Amino acid sequence: MLSTFSTMAVPNISVYDIQSEANQPFRMVRFSIPGGVPSPDEFVNALSTVEGKIPGNLPVLINGRGPIWGYGMLIHAAHPTPAVATYDPRMLGYVIVETHDERFKLGDMVPAIEEQDKASPN
């Protein structure tokens, strides 16, 4: 289905590996949307540029401010991973929202990870 609007608010999505303070490795999916609210087609197009970098053997952390349907698309792309967590700034951490690994339970918290000098591009 084609969008009926175009805002030219193209999301920027980056994917990279990072380690927690406890040396637990994660795959970070961070996004920003400069210029307003993207159309679903704009979000799909941006996701398609990094989609192949998301799956793997690392749990995925998703961080960004955007529409719930955009989060749904990112969670779907991260489905074949041990676990997926989304950032909640009010809780200062990530909440597990999907899991296929007994180490992670729905609702578990992953403390926010200080990213300075820890991120390695993927």
PDB file of N, CA and C in Angstrom:
ATOM      1  N   MET A   1       0.835  -1.169   0.000  1.00  0.00           N
ATOM      2  CA  MET A   1       0.000   0.000   0.000  1.00  0.00           C
ATOM      3  C   MET A   1       0.887   1.242   0.000  1.00  0.00           C
ATOM      4  N   LEU A   2       0.563   2.192  -0.796  1.00  0.00           N
ATOM      5  CA  LEU A   2       1.338   3.423  -0.885  1.00  0.00           C
ATOM      6  C   LEU A   2       0.885   4.426   0.156  1.00  0.00           C
ATOM      7  N   SER A   3       1.818   5.209   0.659  1.00  0.00           N
ATOM      8  CA  SER A   3       1.482   6.263   1.598  1.00  0.00           C
ATOM      9  C   SER A   3       0.728   7.358   0.877  1.00  0.00           C
ATOM     10  N   THR A   4      -0.143   8.008   1.624  1.00  0.00           N
ATOM     11  CA  THR A   4      -0.878   9.124   1.045  1.00  0.00           C
ATOM     12  C   THR A   4      -0.215  10.454   1.357  1.00  0.00           C
ATOM     13  N   PHE A   5       0.907  10.406   2.077  1.00  0.00           N
ATOM     14  CA  PHE A   5       1.620  11.626   2.407  1.00  0.00           C
ATOM     15  C   PHE A   5       3.119  11.364   2.399  1.00  0.00           C
ATOM     16  N   SER A   6       3.865  12.422   2.236  1.00  0.00           N
ATOM     17  CA  SER A   6       5.316  12.306   2.338  1.00  0.00           C
ATOM     18  C   SER A   6       5.817  13.529   3.079  1.00  0.00           C
ATOM     19  N   THR A   7       6.538  13.296   4.138  1.00  0.00           N
ATOM     20  CA  THR A   7       7.023  14.399   4.957  1.00  0.00           C
ATOM     21  C   THR A   7       8.500  14.669   4.743  1.00  0.00           C
ATOM     22  N   MET A   8       9.180  13.747   4.076  1.00  0.00           N
ATOM     23  CA  MET A   8      10.622  13.826   3.889  1.00  0.00           C
ATOM     24  C   MET A   8      11.349  13.823   5.236  1.00  0.00           C
ATOM     25  N   ALA A   9      10.744  13.172   6.235  1.00  0.00           N
ATOM     26  CA  ALA A   9      11.389  12.995   7.536  1.00  0.00           C
ATOM     27  C   ALA A   9      12.020  11.612   7.531  1.00  0.00           C
ATOM     28  N   VAL A  10      13.137  11.495   6.858  1.00  0.00           N
ATOM     29  CA  VAL A  10      13.770  10.193   6.661  1.00  0.00           C
ATOM     30  C   VAL A  10      14.517   9.779   7.929  1.00  0.00           C
ATOM     31  N   PRO A  11      14.169   8.616   8.498  1.00  0.00           N
ATOM     32  CA  PRO A  11      14.855   8.159   9.702  1.00  0.00           C
ATOM     33  C   PRO A  11      16.323   7.819   9.430  1.00  0.00           C
ATOM     34  N   ASN A  12      17.161   8.096  10.419  1.00  0.00           N
ATOM     35  CA  ASN A  12      18.559   7.660  10.422  1.00  0.00           C
ATOM     36  C   ASN A  12      18.637   6.486  11.383  1.00  0.00           C
ATOM     37  N   ILE A  13      19.047   5.321  10.896  1.00  0.00           N
ATOM     38  CA  ILE A  13      19.125   4.127  11.725  1.00  0.00           C
ATOM     39  C   ILE A  13      20.561   3.610  11.695  1.00  0.00           C
ATOM     40  N   SER A  14      21.132   3.407  12.877  1.00  0.00           N
ATOM     41  CA  SER A  14      22.479   2.837  12.948  1.00  0.00           C
ATOM     42  C   SER A  14      22.431   1.562  13.786  1.00  0.00           C
ATOM     43  N   VAL A  15      23.311   0.626  13.436  1.00  0.00           N
ATOM     44  CA  VAL A  15      23.390  -0.666  14.116  1.00  0.00           C
ATOM     45  C   VAL A  15      24.855  -0.914  14.459  1.00  0.00           C
ATOM     46  N   TYR A  16      25.131  -1.208  15.723  1.00  0.00           N
ATOM     47  CA  TYR A  16      26.501  -1.482  16.140  1.00  0.00           C
ATOM     48  C   TYR A  16      26.481  -2.328  17.410  1.00  0.00           C
ATOM     49  N   ASP A  17      27.585  -2.991  17.679  1.00  0.00           N
ATOM     50  CA  ASP A  17      27.711  -3.833  18.859  1.00  0.00           C
ATOM     51  C   ASP A  17      28.298  -3.024  20.008  1.00  0.00           C
ATOM     52  N   ILE A  18      27.851  -3.379  21.228  1.00  0.00           N
ATOM     53  CA  ILE A  18      28.252  -2.644  22.425  1.00  0.00           C
ATOM     54  C   ILE A  18      28.252  -3.618  23.596  1.00  0.00           C
ATOM     55  N   GLN A  19      28.988  -3.306  24.652  1.00  0.00           N
ATOM     56  CA  GLN A  19      29.014  -4.156  25.838  1.00  0.00           C
ATOM     57  C   GLN A  19      28.511  -3.385  27.047  1.00  0.00           C
ATOM     58  N   SER A  20      27.789  -4.096  27.915  1.00  0.00           N
ATOM     59  CA  SER A  20      27.317  -3.496  29.162  1.00  0.00           C
ATOM     60  C   SER A  20      28.477  -3.436  30.158  1.00  0.00           C
ATOM     61  N   GLU A  21      28.230  -2.782  31.276  1.00  0.00           N
ATOM     62  CA  GLU A  21      29.236  -2.711  32.347  1.00  0.00           C
ATOM     63  C   GLU A  21      29.604  -4.113  32.834  1.00  0.00           C
ATOM     64  N   ALA A  22      28.659  -5.070  32.720  1.00  0.00           N
ATOM     65  CA  ALA A  22      28.894  -6.455  33.146  1.00  0.00           C
ATOM     66  C   ALA A  22      29.503  -7.296  32.024  1.00  0.00           C
ATOM     67  N   ASN A  23      29.982  -6.634  30.971  1.00  0.00           N
ATOM     68  CA  ASN A  23      30.596  -7.292  29.804  1.00  0.00           C
ATOM     69  C   ASN A  23      29.635  -8.176  29.024  1.00  0.00           C
ATOM     70  N   GLN A  24      28.336  -7.912  29.110  1.00  0.00           N
ATOM     71  CA  GLN A  24      27.340  -8.606  28.288  1.00  0.00           C
ATOM     72  C   GLN A  24      27.285  -7.888  26.939  1.00  0.00           C
ATOM     73  N   PRO A  25      27.541  -8.600  25.843  1.00  0.00           N
ATOM     74  CA  PRO A  25      27.459  -7.941  24.531  1.00  0.00           C
ATOM     75  C   PRO A  25      26.004  -7.779  24.074  1.00  0.00           C
ATOM     76  N   PHE A  26      25.747  -6.688  23.409  1.00  0.00           N
ATOM     77  CA  PHE A  26      24.433  -6.386  22.834  1.00  0.00           C
ATOM     78  C   PHE A  26      24.628  -5.812  21.442  1.00  0.00           C
ATOM     79  N   ARG A  27      23.599  -5.862  20.652  1.00  0.00           N
ATOM     80  CA  ARG A  27      23.558  -5.149  19.374  1.00  0.00           C
ATOM     81  C   ARG A  27      22.627  -3.963  19.566  1.00  0.00           C
ATOM     82  N   MET A  28      23.158  -2.770  19.377  1.00  0.00           N
ATOM     83  CA  MET A  28      22.384  -1.547  19.536  1.00  0.00           C
ATOM     84  C   MET A  28      21.781  -1.138  18.195  1.00  0.00           C
ATOM     85  N   VAL A  29      20.486  -0.835  18.212  1.00  0.00           N
ATOM     86  CA  VAL A  29      19.811  -0.245  17.055  1.00  0.00           C
ATOM     87  C   VAL A  29      19.330   1.121  17.524  1.00  0.00           C
ATOM     88  N   ARG A  30      19.969   2.150  17.033  1.00  0.00           N
ATOM     89  CA  ARG A  30      19.643   3.521  17.449  1.00  0.00           C
ATOM     90  C   ARG A  30      19.098   4.271  16.234  1.00  0.00           C
ATOM     91  N   PHE A  31      18.018   5.007  16.461  1.00  0.00           N
ATOM     92  CA  PHE A  31      17.461   5.774  15.345  1.00  0.00           C
ATOM     93  C   PHE A  31      17.050   7.162  15.790  1.00  0.00           C
ATOM     94  N   SER A  32      17.045   8.054  14.811  1.00  0.00           N
ATOM     95  CA  SER A  32      16.537   9.411  15.012  1.00  0.00           C
ATOM     96  C   SER A  32      15.764   9.788  13.761  1.00  0.00           C
ATOM     97  N   ILE A  33      14.847  10.721  13.939  1.00  0.00           N
ATOM     98  CA  ILE A  33      14.011  11.147  12.817  1.00  0.00           C
ATOM     99  C   ILE A  33      14.043  12.667  12.750  1.00  0.00           C
ATOM    100  N   PRO A  34      14.999  13.209  12.023  1.00  0.00           N
ATOM    101  CA  PRO A  34      15.047  14.671  11.895  1.00  0.00           C
ATOM    102  C   PRO A  34      13.937  15.160  10.972  1.00  0.00           C
ATOM    103  N   GLY A  35      13.310  16.240  11.341  1.00  0.00           N
ATOM    104  CA  GLY A  35      12.363  16.871  10.432  1.00  0.00           C
ATOM    105  C   GLY A  35      10.918  16.462  10.580  1.00  0.00           C
ATOM    106  N   GLY A  36      10.539  15.793  11.639  1.00  0.00           N
ATOM    107  CA  GLY A  36       9.126  15.488  11.816  1.00  0.00           C
ATOM    108  C   GLY A  36       8.816  14.012  11.875  1.00  0.00           C
ATOM    109  N   VAL A  37       7.646  13.634  11.381  1.00  0.00           N
ATOM    110  CA  VAL A  37       7.184  12.246  11.423  1.00  0.00           C
ATOM    111  C   VAL A  37       7.294  11.646  10.022  1.00  0.00           C
ATOM    112  N   PRO A  38       7.984  10.512   9.897  1.00  0.00           N
ATOM    113  CA  PRO A  38       8.107   9.891   8.573  1.00  0.00           C
ATOM    114  C   PRO A  38       6.820   9.168   8.191  1.00  0.00           C
ATOM    115  N   SER A  39       6.663   8.933   6.926  1.00  0.00           N
ATOM    116  CA  SER A  39       5.590   8.051   6.479  1.00  0.00           C
ATOM    117  C   SER A  39       6.052   6.620   6.727  1.00  0.00           C
ATOM    118  N   PRO A  40       5.133   5.666   6.792  1.00  0.00           N
ATOM    119  CA  PRO A  40       5.554   4.265   6.915  1.00  0.00           C
ATOM    120  C   PRO A  40       6.521   3.842   5.811  1.00  0.00           C
ATOM    121  N   ASP A  41       6.290   4.303   4.583  1.00  0.00           N
ATOM    122  CA  ASP A  41       7.195   3.955   3.484  1.00  0.00           C
ATOM    123  C   ASP A  41       8.602   4.488   3.722  1.00  0.00           C
ATOM    124  N   GLU A  42       8.718   5.695   4.258  1.00  0.00           N
ATOM    125  CA  GLU A  42      10.033   6.267   4.556  1.00  0.00           C
ATOM    126  C   GLU A  42      10.741   5.440   5.628  1.00  0.00           C
ATOM    127  N   PHE A  43       9.992   4.979   6.627  1.00  0.00           N
ATOM    128  CA  PHE A  43      10.591   4.167   7.685  1.00  0.00           C
ATOM    129  C   PHE A  43      11.040   2.819   7.125  1.00  0.00           C
ATOM    130  N   VAL A  44      10.198   2.192   6.311  1.00  0.00           N
ATOM    131  CA  VAL A  44      10.558   0.907   5.688  1.00  0.00           C
ATOM    132  C   VAL A  44      11.808   1.062   4.838  1.00  0.00           C
ATOM    133  N   ASN A  45      11.899   2.111   4.070  1.00  0.00           N
ATOM    134  CA  ASN A  45      13.073   2.333   3.217  1.00  0.00           C
ATOM    135  C   ASN A  45      14.335   2.507   4.059  1.00  0.00           C
ATOM    136  N   ALA A  46      14.246   3.258   5.148  1.00  0.00           N
ATOM    137  CA  ALA A  46      15.415   3.440   6.019  1.00  0.00           C
ATOM    138  C   ALA A  46      15.797   2.122   6.679  1.00  0.00           C
ATOM    139  N   LEU A  47      14.809   1.364   7.133  1.00  0.00           N
ATOM    140  CA  LEU A  47      15.078   0.078   7.774  1.00  0.00           C
ATOM    141  C   LEU A  47      15.729  -0.893   6.795  1.00  0.00           C
ATOM    142  N   SER A  48      15.334  -0.847   5.551  1.00  0.00           N
ATOM    143  CA  SER A  48      15.883  -1.793   4.566  1.00  0.00           C
ATOM    144  C   SER A  48      17.390  -1.619   4.377  1.00  0.00           C
ATOM    145  N   THR A  49      17.925  -0.443   4.706  1.00  0.00           N
ATOM    146  CA  THR A  49      19.368  -0.213   4.539  1.00  0.00           C
ATOM    147  C   THR A  49      20.203  -0.871   5.638  1.00  0.00           C
ATOM    148  N   VAL A  50      19.582  -1.226   6.780  1.00  0.00           N
ATOM    149  CA  VAL A  50      20.325  -1.832   7.894  1.00  0.00           C
ATOM    150  C   VAL A  50      19.747  -3.168   8.345  1.00  0.00           C
ATOM    151  N   GLU A  51      18.650  -3.564   7.760  1.00  0.00           N
ATOM    152  CA  GLU A  51      17.916  -4.754   8.200  1.00  0.00           C
ATOM    153  C   GLU A  51      18.787  -6.003   8.331  1.00  0.00           C
ATOM    154  N   GLY A  52      19.698  -6.209   7.403  1.00  0.00           N
ATOM    155  CA  GLY A  52      20.557  -7.388   7.430  1.00  0.00           C
ATOM    156  C   GLY A  52      21.587  -7.376   8.546  1.00  0.00           C
ATOM    157  N   LYS A  53      21.825  -6.215   9.160  1.00  0.00           N
ATOM    158  CA  LYS A  53      22.807  -6.107  10.242  1.00  0.00           C
ATOM    159  C   LYS A  53      22.202  -6.390  11.615  1.00  0.00           C
ATOM    160  N   ILE A  54      20.873  -6.459  11.716  1.00  0.00           N
ATOM    161  CA  ILE A  54      20.222  -6.601  13.017  1.00  0.00           C
ATOM    162  C   ILE A  54      20.218  -8.040  13.522  1.00  0.00           C
ATOM    163  N   PRO A  55      19.788  -9.029  12.745  1.00  0.00           N
ATOM    164  CA  PRO A  55      19.748 -10.403  13.268  1.00  0.00           C
ATOM    165  C   PRO A  55      21.141 -10.920  13.608  1.00  0.00           C
ATOM    166  N   GLY A  56      21.171 -11.873  14.525  1.00  0.00           N
ATOM    167  CA  GLY A  56      22.436 -12.477  14.919  1.00  0.00           C
ATOM    168  C   GLY A  56      22.290 -13.141  16.268  1.00  0.00           C
ATOM    169  N   ASN A  57      23.420 -13.396  16.902  1.00  0.00           N
ATOM    170  CA  ASN A  57      23.382 -14.107  18.176  1.00  0.00           C
ATOM    171  C   ASN A  57      23.440 -13.182  19.387  1.00  0.00           C
ATOM    172  N   LEU A  58      23.326 -11.866  19.176  1.00  0.00           N
ATOM    173  CA  LEU A  58      23.340 -10.913  20.289  1.00  0.00           C
ATOM    174  C   LEU A  58      21.935 -10.395  20.573  1.00  0.00           C
ATOM    175  N   PRO A  59      21.601 -10.191  21.856  1.00  0.00           N
ATOM    176  CA  PRO A  59      20.336  -9.523  22.165  1.00  0.00           C
ATOM    177  C   PRO A  59      20.377  -8.091  21.637  1.00  0.00           C
ATOM    178  N   VAL A  60      19.218  -7.577  21.243  1.00  0.00           N
ATOM    179  CA  VAL A  60      19.128  -6.275  20.584  1.00  0.00           C
ATOM    180  C   VAL A  60      18.507  -5.243  21.518  1.00  0.00           C
ATOM    181  N   LEU A  61      19.136  -4.070  21.581  1.00  0.00           N
ATOM    182  CA  LEU A  61      18.610  -2.914  22.296  1.00  0.00           C
ATOM    183  C   LEU A  61      18.167  -1.888  21.271  1.00  0.00           C
ATOM    184  N   ILE A  62      16.944  -1.392  21.392  1.00  0.00           N
ATOM    185  CA  ILE A  62      16.421  -0.396  20.447  1.00  0.00           C
ATOM    186  C   ILE A  62      16.229   0.914  21.190  1.00  0.00           C
ATOM    187  N   ASN A  63      16.768   1.997  20.589  1.00  0.00           N
ATOM    188  CA  ASN A  63      16.710   3.299  21.232  1.00  0.00           C
ATOM    189  C   ASN A  63      16.433   4.361  20.186  1.00  0.00           C
ATOM    190  N   GLY A  64      15.410   5.153  20.407  1.00  0.00           N
ATOM    191  CA  GLY A  64      15.077   6.250  19.512  1.00  0.00           C
ATOM    192  C   GLY A  64      13.691   6.763  19.807  1.00  0.00           C
ATOM    193  N   ARG A  65      13.442   7.966  19.361  1.00  0.00           N
ATOM    194  CA  ARG A  65      12.124   8.565  19.545  1.00  0.00           C
ATOM    195  C   ARG A  65      11.389   8.502  18.217  1.00  0.00           C
ATOM    196  N   GLY A  66      10.267   7.769  18.203  1.00  0.00           N
ATOM    197  CA  GLY A  66       9.534   7.617  16.961  1.00  0.00           C
ATOM    198  C   GLY A  66       8.186   6.961  17.166  1.00  0.00           C
ATOM    199  N   PRO A  67       7.466   6.745  16.076  1.00  0.00           N
ATOM    200  CA  PRO A  67       6.119   6.183  16.160  1.00  0.00           C
ATOM    201  C   PRO A  67       6.145   4.714  16.596  1.00  0.00           C
ATOM    202  N   ILE A  68       5.095   4.296  17.271  1.00  0.00           N
ATOM    203  CA  ILE A  68       5.012   2.921  17.760  1.00  0.00           C
ATOM    204  C   ILE A  68       5.089   1.923  16.607  1.00  0.00           C
ATOM    205  N   TRP A  69       4.529   2.261  15.450  1.00  0.00           N
ATOM    206  CA  TRP A  69       4.610   1.333  14.318  1.00  0.00           C
ATOM    207  C   TRP A  69       6.045   1.207  13.802  1.00  0.00           C
ATOM    208  N   GLY A  70       6.865   2.246  13.990  1.00  0.00           N
ATOM    209  CA  GLY A  70       8.276   2.147  13.633  1.00  0.00           C
ATOM    210  C   GLY A  70       8.999   1.184  14.574  1.00  0.00           C
ATOM    211  N   TYR A  71       8.668   1.272  15.864  1.00  0.00           N
ATOM    212  CA  TYR A  71       9.219   0.318  16.826  1.00  0.00           C
ATOM    213  C   TYR A  71       8.792  -1.098  16.467  1.00  0.00           C
ATOM    214  N   GLY A  72       7.532  -1.258  16.066  1.00  0.00           N
ATOM    215  CA  GLY A  72       7.054  -2.583  15.658  1.00  0.00           C
ATOM    216  C   GLY A  72       7.875  -3.144  14.512  1.00  0.00           C
ATOM    217  N   MET A  73       8.192  -2.315  13.545  1.00  0.00           N
ATOM    218  CA  MET A  73       9.011  -2.765  12.408  1.00  0.00           C
ATOM    219  C   MET A  73      10.410  -3.170  12.861  1.00  0.00           C
ATOM    220  N   LEU A  74      10.999  -2.389  13.774  1.00  0.00           N
ATOM    221  CA  LEU A  74      12.342  -2.703  14.270  1.00  0.00           C
ATOM    222  C   LEU A  74      12.333  -3.996  15.092  1.00  0.00           C
ATOM    223  N   ILE A  75      11.321  -4.174  15.923  1.00  0.00           N
ATOM    224  CA  ILE A  75      11.215  -5.395  16.717  1.00  0.00           C
ATOM    225  C   ILE A  75      11.043  -6.601  15.796  1.00  0.00           C
ATOM    226  N   HIS A  76      10.253  -6.452  14.762  1.00  0.00           N
ATOM    227  CA  HIS A  76      10.077  -7.544  13.796  1.00  0.00           C
ATOM    228  C   HIS A  76      11.403  -7.901  13.122  1.00  0.00           C
ATOM    229  N   ALA A  77      12.173  -6.891  12.750  1.00  0.00           N
ATOM    230  CA  ALA A  77      13.471  -7.139  12.108  1.00  0.00           C
ATOM    231  C   ALA A  77      14.435  -7.834  13.065  1.00  0.00           C
ATOM    232  N   ALA A  78      14.264  -7.601  14.379  1.00  0.00           N
ATOM    233  CA  ALA A  78      15.155  -8.186  15.383  1.00  0.00           C
ATOM    234  C   ALA A  78      14.642  -9.527  15.907  1.00  0.00           C
ATOM    235  N   HIS A  79      13.557 -10.024  15.367  1.00  0.00           N
ATOM    236  CA  HIS A  79      12.933 -11.249  15.887  1.00  0.00           C
ATOM    237  C   HIS A  79      13.900 -12.429  15.997  1.00  0.00           C
ATOM    238  N   PRO A  80      14.721 -12.719  14.980  1.00  0.00           N
ATOM    239  CA  PRO A  80      15.601 -13.897  15.100  1.00  0.00           C
ATOM    240  C   PRO A  80      16.862 -13.626  15.930  1.00  0.00           C
ATOM    241  N   THR A  81      16.675 -13.062  17.131  1.00  0.00           N
ATOM    242  CA  THR A  81      17.785 -12.797  18.054  1.00  0.00           C
ATOM    243  C   THR A  81      17.401 -13.358  19.417  1.00  0.00           C
ATOM    244  N   PRO A  82      18.354 -13.467  20.340  1.00  0.00           N
ATOM    245  CA  PRO A  82      18.025 -14.014  21.658  1.00  0.00           C
ATOM    246  C   PRO A  82      16.960 -13.210  22.413  1.00  0.00           C
ATOM    247  N   ALA A  83      17.003 -11.881  22.298  1.00  0.00           N
ATOM    248  CA  ALA A  83      16.051 -11.025  23.008  1.00  0.00           C
ATOM    249  C   ALA A  83      16.061  -9.634  22.395  1.00  0.00           C
ATOM    250  N   VAL A  84      14.960  -8.906  22.620  1.00  0.00           N
ATOM    251  CA  VAL A  84      14.843  -7.528  22.150  1.00  0.00           C
ATOM    252  C   VAL A  84      14.367  -6.681  23.326  1.00  0.00           C
ATOM    253  N   ALA A  85      15.001  -5.529  23.514  1.00  0.00           N
ATOM    254  CA  ALA A  85      14.601  -4.605  24.571  1.00  0.00           C
ATOM    255  C   ALA A  85      14.488  -3.203  23.998  1.00  0.00           C
ATOM    256  N   THR A  86      13.543  -2.427  24.515  1.00  0.00           N
ATOM    257  CA  THR A  86      13.365  -1.049  24.087  1.00  0.00           C
ATOM    258  C   THR A  86      13.681  -0.113  25.242  1.00  0.00           C
ATOM    259  N   TYR A  87      14.237   1.044  24.909  1.00  0.00           N
ATOM    260  CA  TYR A  87      14.667   2.007  25.916  1.00  0.00           C
ATOM    261  C   TYR A  87      13.477   2.773  26.472  1.00  0.00           C
ATOM    262  N   ASP A  88      13.464   2.931  27.791  1.00  0.00           N
ATOM    263  CA  ASP A  88      12.480   3.774  28.457  1.00  0.00           C
ATOM    264  C   ASP A  88      13.247   4.787  29.307  1.00  0.00           C
ATOM    265  N   PRO A  89      13.276   6.053  28.894  1.00  0.00           N
ATOM    266  CA  PRO A  89      14.062   7.041  29.619  1.00  0.00           C
ATOM    267  C   PRO A  89      13.588   7.249  31.057  1.00  0.00           C
ATOM    268  N   ARG A  90      12.321   6.987  31.325  1.00  0.00           N
ATOM    269  CA  ARG A  90      11.816   7.146  32.693  1.00  0.00           C
ATOM    270  C   ARG A  90      12.379   6.085  33.622  1.00  0.00           C
ATOM    271  N   MET A  91      12.767   4.936  33.056  1.00  0.00           N
ATOM    272  CA  MET A  91      13.306   3.837  33.853  1.00  0.00           C
ATOM    273  C   MET A  91      14.826   3.770  33.752  1.00  0.00           C
ATOM    274  N   LEU A  92      15.415   4.644  32.941  1.00  0.00           N
ATOM    275  CA  LEU A  92      16.865   4.710  32.749  1.00  0.00           C
ATOM    276  C   LEU A  92      17.435   3.366  32.307  1.00  0.00           C
ATOM    277  N   GLY A  93      16.701   2.709  31.419  1.00  0.00           N
ATOM    278  CA  GLY A  93      17.181   1.430  30.933  1.00  0.00           C
ATOM    279  C   GLY A  93      16.271   0.860  29.859  1.00  0.00           C
ATOM    280  N   TYR A  94      16.586  -0.367  29.488  1.00  0.00           N
ATOM    281  CA  TYR A  94      15.884  -1.071  28.424  1.00  0.00           C
ATOM    282  C   TYR A  94      15.016  -2.167  29.030  1.00  0.00           C
ATOM    283  N   VAL A  95      13.809  -2.318  28.520  1.00  0.00           N
ATOM    284  CA  VAL A  95      12.873  -3.331  28.998  1.00  0.00           C
ATOM    285  C   VAL A  95      12.796  -4.444  27.949  1.00  0.00           C
ATOM    286  N   ILE A  96      12.993  -5.689  28.387  1.00  0.00           N
ATOM    287  CA  ILE A  96      12.888  -6.831  27.472  1.00  0.00           C
ATOM    288  C   ILE A  96      11.436  -6.974  27.031  1.00  0.00           C
ATOM    289  N   VAL A  97      11.203  -6.920  25.706  1.00  0.00           N
ATOM    290  CA  VAL A  97       9.846  -7.013  25.154  1.00  0.00           C
ATOM    291  C   VAL A  97       9.645  -8.271  24.311  1.00  0.00           C
ATOM    292  N   GLU A  98      10.727  -8.966  24.016  1.00  0.00           N
ATOM    293  CA  GLU A  98      10.658 -10.214  23.253  1.00  0.00           C
ATOM    294  C   GLU A  98      11.878 -11.044  23.628  1.00  0.00           C
ATOM    295  N   THR A  99      11.682 -12.347  23.831  1.00  0.00           N
ATOM    296  CA  THR A  99      12.804 -13.195  24.207  1.00  0.00           C
ATOM    297  C   THR A  99      12.645 -14.611  23.682  1.00  0.00           C
ATOM    298  N   HIS A 100      13.779 -15.183  23.298  1.00  0.00           N
ATOM    299  CA  HIS A 100      13.881 -16.584  22.876  1.00  0.00           C
ATOM    300  C   HIS A 100      15.020 -17.248  23.643  1.00  0.00           C
ATOM    301  N   ASP A 101      15.434 -16.657  24.748  1.00  0.00           N
ATOM    302  CA  ASP A 101      16.603 -17.101  25.494  1.00  0.00           C
ATOM    303  C   ASP A 101      16.255 -17.081  26.981  1.00  0.00           C
ATOM    304  N   GLU A 102      16.502 -18.182  27.664  1.00  0.00           N
ATOM    305  CA  GLU A 102      16.131 -18.278  29.075  1.00  0.00           C
ATOM    306  C   GLU A 102      16.887 -17.299  29.973  1.00  0.00           C
ATOM    307  N   ARG A 103      17.971 -16.722  29.474  1.00  0.00           N
ATOM    308  CA  ARG A 103      18.696 -15.719  30.265  1.00  0.00           C
ATOM    309  C   ARG A 103      17.916 -14.416  30.390  1.00  0.00           C
ATOM    310  N   PHE A 104      16.965 -14.187  29.487  1.00  0.00           N
ATOM    311  CA  PHE A 104      16.203 -12.945  29.457  1.00  0.00           C
ATOM    312  C   PHE A 104      14.718 -13.264  29.621  1.00  0.00           C
ATOM    313  N   LYS A 105      14.055 -12.567  30.527  1.00  0.00           N
ATOM    314  CA  LYS A 105      12.621 -12.732  30.768  1.00  0.00           C
ATOM    315  C   LYS A 105      11.900 -11.452  30.369  1.00  0.00           C
ATOM    316  N   LEU A 106      10.662 -11.602  29.876  1.00  0.00           N
ATOM    317  CA  LEU A 106       9.868 -10.418  29.560  1.00  0.00           C
ATOM    318  C   LEU A 106       9.800  -9.511  30.783  1.00  0.00           C
ATOM    319  N   GLY A 107      10.016  -8.241  30.561  1.00  0.00           N
ATOM    320  CA  GLY A 107       9.971  -7.271  31.640  1.00  0.00           C
ATOM    321  C   GLY A 107      11.283  -7.063  32.361  1.00  0.00           C
ATOM    322  N   ASP A 108      12.277  -7.923  32.114  1.00  0.00           N
ATOM    323  CA  ASP A 108      13.599  -7.709  32.711  1.00  0.00           C
ATOM    324  C   ASP A 108      14.136  -6.356  32.267  1.00  0.00           C
ATOM    325  N   MET A 109      14.956  -5.755  33.132  1.00  0.00           N
ATOM    326  CA  MET A 109      15.577  -4.478  32.809  1.00  0.00           C
ATOM    327  C   MET A 109      17.049  -4.673  32.468  1.00  0.00           C
ATOM    328  N   VAL A 110      17.492  -3.962  31.458  1.00  0.00           N
ATOM    329  CA  VAL A 110      18.907  -3.866  31.114  1.00  0.00           C
ATOM    330  C   VAL A 110      19.273  -2.410  31.387  1.00  0.00           C
ATOM    331  N   PRO A 111      20.155  -2.161  32.347  1.00  0.00           N
ATOM    332  CA  PRO A 111      20.521  -0.768  32.652  1.00  0.00           C
ATOM    333  C   PRO A 111      21.058  -0.054  31.409  1.00  0.00           C
ATOM    334  N   ALA A 112      20.802   1.239  31.341  1.00  0.00           N
ATOM    335  CA  ALA A 112      21.327   2.042  30.234  1.00  0.00           C
ATOM    336  C   ALA A 112      22.839   1.861  30.167  1.00  0.00           C
ATOM    337  N   ILE A 113      23.349   1.816  28.954  1.00  0.00           N
ATOM    338  CA  ILE A 113      24.777   1.588  28.730  1.00  0.00           C
ATOM    339  C   ILE A 113      25.426   2.894  28.322  1.00  0.00           C
ATOM    340  N   GLU A 114      26.458   3.261  29.035  1.00  0.00           N
ATOM    341  CA  GLU A 114      27.237   4.449  28.674  1.00  0.00           C
ATOM    342  C   GLU A 114      27.982   4.117  27.391  1.00  0.00           C
ATOM    343  N   GLU A 115      27.714   4.865  26.337  1.00  0.00           N
ATOM    344  CA  GLU A 115      28.250   4.531  25.025  1.00  0.00           C
ATOM    345  C   GLU A 115      29.569   5.189  24.688  1.00  0.00           C
ATOM    346  N   GLN A 116      30.006   6.143  25.435  1.00  0.00           N
ATOM    347  CA  GLN A 116      31.241   6.854  25.121  1.00  0.00           C
ATOM    348  C   GLN A 116      32.421   5.871  25.084  1.00  0.00           C
ATOM    349  N   ASP A 117      33.067   5.812  23.943  1.00  0.00           N
ATOM    350  CA  ASP A 117      34.255   4.979  23.733  1.00  0.00           C
ATOM    351  C   ASP A 117      33.979   3.476  23.825  1.00  0.00           C
ATOM    352  N   LYS A 118      32.711   3.052  23.760  1.00  0.00           N
ATOM    353  CA  LYS A 118      32.420   1.629  23.848  1.00  0.00           C
ATOM    354  C   LYS A 118      31.827   1.069  22.566  1.00  0.00           C
ATOM    355  N   ALA A 119      31.280   1.916  21.731  1.00  0.00           N
ATOM    356  CA  ALA A 119      30.602   1.440  20.528  1.00  0.00           C
ATOM    357  C   ALA A 119      31.626   1.078  19.458  1.00  0.00           C
ATOM    358  N   SER A 120      31.326  -0.030  18.779  1.00  0.00           N
ATOM    359  CA  SER A 120      32.128  -0.396  17.620  1.00  0.00           C
ATOM    360  C   SER A 120      31.194  -0.535  16.443  1.00  0.00           C
ATOM    361  N   PRO A 121      31.393   0.239  15.374  1.00  0.00           N
ATOM    362  CA  PRO A 121      30.490   0.191  14.231  1.00  0.00           C
ATOM    363  C   PRO A 121      30.357  -1.223  13.686  1.00  0.00           C
ATOM    364  N   ASN A 122      29.145  -1.526  13.247  1.00  0.00           N
ATOM    365  CA  ASN A 122      28.868  -2.846  12.689  1.00  0.00           C
ATOM    366  C   ASN A 122      28.530  -2.728  11.231  1.00  0.00           C
TER     367      ASN A 122
END
